[in-house]
Amino acid sequence: MARLHESLDAVGRHLQREDPSVRYEGAWAMRNKYADLRDDELLIRLHEKFSQKVNFERIDAKYHRSIEQLPAKRLKILGGAFLVWLVPAAMLYASGSAVAWVIRGFRQSNA
């Protein structure tokens, strides 16, 4: 989605530079004009029509970099989720152990 948004934004800014009377309302407004097309179809058409005028290589390179970094980001999120689960569980276990230790201490002193 970010790739499409950046491509639409680049085309919109190009059209506005080419003809200052054109009012660019943003990528999402531009996307709504082509609601009948899927995202991949719209990207193909943008590349076909504006590849000589707009630098899509920077946008595509950024997209591919983000795709390459996705497994590491996913692993980082899973690690964080594991810690969010582990820390409260460990604290609860430690609290239960402490309460049991105190109870055992009182029972032994009464005997």
C-alpha atoms as a PDB file:
ATOM      1  CA  MET A   1       0.000   0.000   0.000  1.00  0.00           C
ATOM      2  CA  ALA A   2       2.831   2.388   0.764  1.00  0.00           C
ATOM      3  CA  ARG A   3       4.333   1.698  -2.647  1.00  0.00           C
ATOM      4  CA  LEU A   4       1.078   2.640  -4.369  1.00  0.00           C
ATOM      5  CA  HIS A   5       0.636   5.700  -2.162  1.00  0.00           C
ATOM      6  CA  GLU A   6       4.157   6.960  -2.888  1.00  0.00           C
ATOM      7  CA  SER A   7       3.761   6.277  -6.623  1.00  0.00           C
ATOM      8  CA  LEU A   8       0.460   8.150  -6.752  1.00  0.00           C
ATOM      9  CA  ASP A   9       1.985  10.992  -4.777  1.00  0.00           C
ATOM     10  CA  ALA A  10       4.969  11.221  -7.142  1.00  0.00           C
ATOM     11  CA  VAL A  11       2.681  11.262 -10.201  1.00  0.00           C
ATOM     12  CA  GLY A  12       0.411  13.866  -8.607  1.00  0.00           C
ATOM     13  CA  ARG A  13       3.354  16.133  -7.776  1.00  0.00           C
ATOM     14  CA  HIS A  14       4.696  15.672 -11.328  1.00  0.00           C
ATOM     15  CA  LEU A  15       1.335  16.613 -12.850  1.00  0.00           C
ATOM     16  CA  GLN A  16       1.142  19.694 -10.652  1.00  0.00           C
ATOM     17  CA  ARG A  17       4.667  20.783 -11.642  1.00  0.00           C
ATOM     18  CA  GLU A  18       3.857  20.208 -15.306  1.00  0.00           C
ATOM     19  CA  ASP A  19       0.620  22.220 -15.145  1.00  0.00           C
ATOM     20  CA  PRO A  20       0.328  24.582 -12.142  1.00  0.00           C
ATOM     21  CA  SER A  21      -3.422  24.924 -12.716  1.00  0.00           C
ATOM     22  CA  VAL A  22      -3.841  21.260 -11.752  1.00  0.00           C
ATOM     23  CA  ARG A  23      -4.858  20.928  -8.124  1.00  0.00           C
ATOM     24  CA  TYR A  24      -3.300  17.877  -6.496  1.00  0.00           C
ATOM     25  CA  GLU A  25      -5.523  16.686  -3.646  1.00  0.00           C
ATOM     26  CA  GLY A  26      -3.386  13.836  -2.365  1.00  0.00           C
ATOM     27  CA  ALA A  27      -2.717  10.210  -3.146  1.00  0.00           C
ATOM     28  CA  TRP A  28      -5.895   8.862  -1.551  1.00  0.00           C
ATOM     29  CA  ALA A  29      -8.112  11.256  -3.503  1.00  0.00           C
ATOM     30  CA  MET A  30      -6.285  10.218  -6.643  1.00  0.00           C
ATOM     31  CA  ARG A  31      -6.715   6.528  -5.718  1.00  0.00           C
ATOM     32  CA  ASN A  32     -10.465   6.981  -5.369  1.00  0.00           C
ATOM     33  CA  LYS A  33     -10.658   8.182  -8.975  1.00  0.00           C
ATOM     34  CA  TYR A  34      -9.412   4.748 -10.042  1.00  0.00           C
ATOM     35  CA  ALA A  35     -11.448   2.651  -7.624  1.00  0.00           C
ATOM     36  CA  ASP A  36     -12.324   0.183 -10.389  1.00  0.00           C
ATOM     37  CA  LEU A  37      -8.665  -0.923 -10.633  1.00  0.00           C
ATOM     38  CA  ARG A  38      -6.825  -3.218  -8.249  1.00  0.00           C
ATOM     39  CA  ASP A  39      -3.672  -1.805  -6.637  1.00  0.00           C
ATOM     40  CA  ASP A  40      -1.329  -3.883  -8.785  1.00  0.00           C
ATOM     41  CA  GLU A  41      -3.182  -2.916 -11.979  1.00  0.00           C
ATOM     42  CA  LEU A  42      -2.978   0.756 -11.078  1.00  0.00           C
ATOM     43  CA  LEU A  43       0.752   0.482 -10.352  1.00  0.00           C
ATOM     44  CA  ILE A  44       1.351  -1.161 -13.731  1.00  0.00           C
ATOM     45  CA  ARG A  45      -0.593   1.580 -15.518  1.00  0.00           C
ATOM     46  CA  LEU A  46       1.244   4.332 -13.635  1.00  0.00           C
ATOM     47  CA  HIS A  47       4.587   2.789 -14.543  1.00  0.00           C
ATOM     48  CA  GLU A  48       3.563   2.419 -18.193  1.00  0.00           C
ATOM     49  CA  LYS A  49       2.340   5.978 -18.530  1.00  0.00           C
ATOM     50  CA  PHE A  50       4.784   7.948 -16.348  1.00  0.00           C
ATOM     51  CA  SER A  51       7.986   5.875 -16.275  1.00  0.00           C
ATOM     52  CA  GLN A  52       9.824   8.433 -18.429  1.00  0.00           C
ATOM     53  CA  LYS A  53       8.648  11.382 -16.321  1.00  0.00           C
ATOM     54  CA  VAL A  54       8.649  10.104 -12.727  1.00  0.00           C
ATOM     55  CA  ASN A  55      11.474   8.292 -10.924  1.00  0.00           C
ATOM     56  CA  PHE A  56       9.797   5.084  -9.774  1.00  0.00           C
ATOM     57  CA  GLU A  57      13.146   3.347  -9.144  1.00  0.00           C
ATOM     58  CA  ARG A  58      13.606   5.124  -5.798  1.00  0.00           C
ATOM     59  CA  ILE A  59      10.089   4.140  -4.706  1.00  0.00           C
ATOM     60  CA  ASP A  60      10.549   0.527  -5.851  1.00  0.00           C
ATOM     61  CA  ALA A  61      13.960   0.282  -4.151  1.00  0.00           C
ATOM     62  CA  LYS A  62      12.480   1.561  -0.895  1.00  0.00           C
ATOM     63  CA  TYR A  63       9.632  -0.958  -1.196  1.00  0.00           C
ATOM     64  CA  HIS A  64      12.009  -3.873  -1.826  1.00  0.00           C
ATOM     65  CA  ARG A  65      14.225  -2.810   1.115  1.00  0.00           C
ATOM     66  CA  SER A  66      11.211  -2.801   3.402  1.00  0.00           C
ATOM     67  CA  ILE A  67      10.197  -6.261   2.145  1.00  0.00           C
ATOM     68  CA  GLU A  68      13.729  -7.551   2.811  1.00  0.00           C
ATOM     69  CA  GLN A  69      13.625  -6.149   6.370  1.00  0.00           C
ATOM     70  CA  LEU A  70      10.227  -7.677   7.084  1.00  0.00           C
ATOM     71  CA  PRO A  71      11.460 -10.988   8.606  1.00  0.00           C
ATOM     72  CA  ALA A  72      13.702  -9.142  11.071  1.00  0.00           C
ATOM     73  CA  LYS A  73      10.885  -6.775  12.039  1.00  0.00           C
ATOM     74  CA  ARG A  74       8.522  -9.705  12.462  1.00  0.00           C
ATOM     75  CA  LEU A  75      11.024 -11.521  14.686  1.00  0.00           C
ATOM     76  CA  LYS A  76      11.501  -8.378  16.787  1.00  0.00           C
ATOM     77  CA  ILE A  77       7.729  -8.041  17.270  1.00  0.00           C
ATOM     78  CA  LEU A  78       7.405 -11.726  18.196  1.00  0.00           C
ATOM     79  CA  GLY A  79      10.257 -11.364  20.690  1.00  0.00           C
ATOM     80  CA  GLY A  80       8.580  -8.344  22.228  1.00  0.00           C
ATOM     81  CA  ALA A  81       5.256 -10.182  22.436  1.00  0.00           C
ATOM     82  CA  PHE A  82       6.996 -13.118  24.112  1.00  0.00           C
ATOM     83  CA  LEU A  83       8.543 -10.768  26.689  1.00  0.00           C
ATOM     84  CA  VAL A  84       5.183  -9.098  27.287  1.00  0.00           C
ATOM     85  CA  TRP A  85       3.821 -12.551  28.104  1.00  0.00           C
ATOM     86  CA  LEU A  86       6.884 -13.831  30.005  1.00  0.00           C
ATOM     87  CA  VAL A  87       7.506 -10.910  32.387  1.00  0.00           C
ATOM     88  CA  PRO A  88       3.995 -10.798  33.957  1.00  0.00           C
ATOM     89  CA  ALA A  89       3.883 -14.617  34.113  1.00  0.00           C
ATOM     90  CA  ALA A  90       7.262 -14.707  35.870  1.00  0.00           C
ATOM     91  CA  MET A  91       6.187 -11.947  38.272  1.00  0.00           C
ATOM     92  CA  LEU A  92       2.982 -13.807  39.065  1.00  0.00           C
ATOM     93  CA  TYR A  93       4.927 -17.024  39.658  1.00  0.00           C
ATOM     94  CA  ALA A  94       7.444 -15.202  41.883  1.00  0.00           C
ATOM     95  CA  SER A  95       4.608 -13.553  43.855  1.00  0.00           C
ATOM     96  CA  GLY A  96       2.928 -16.928  44.356  1.00  0.00           C
ATOM     97  CA  SER A  97       6.220 -18.462  45.484  1.00  0.00           C
ATOM     98  CA  ALA A  98       6.779 -15.600  47.935  1.00  0.00           C
ATOM     99  CA  VAL A  99       3.281 -15.977  49.389  1.00  0.00           C
ATOM    100  CA  ALA A 100       3.785 -19.747  49.717  1.00  0.00           C
ATOM    101  CA  TRP A 101       7.155 -19.165  51.430  1.00  0.00           C
ATOM    102  CA  VAL A 102       5.563 -16.784  53.950  1.00  0.00           C
ATOM    103  CA  ILE A 103       2.699 -19.209  54.634  1.00  0.00           C
ATOM    104  CA  ARG A 104       5.184 -22.073  55.134  1.00  0.00           C
ATOM    105  CA  GLY A 105       7.138 -19.881  57.519  1.00  0.00           C
ATOM    106  CA  PHE A 106       4.067 -19.206  59.676  1.00  0.00           C
ATOM    107  CA  ARG A 107       3.028 -22.863  59.702  1.00  0.00           C
ATOM    108  CA  GLN A 108       6.486 -24.005  60.820  1.00  0.00           C
ATOM    109  CA  SER A 109       6.640 -21.469  63.661  1.00  0.00           C
ATOM    110  CA  ASN A 110       3.240 -22.614  65.029  1.00  0.00           C
ATOM    111  CA  ALA A 111       4.282 -26.261  65.164  1.00  0.00           C
END
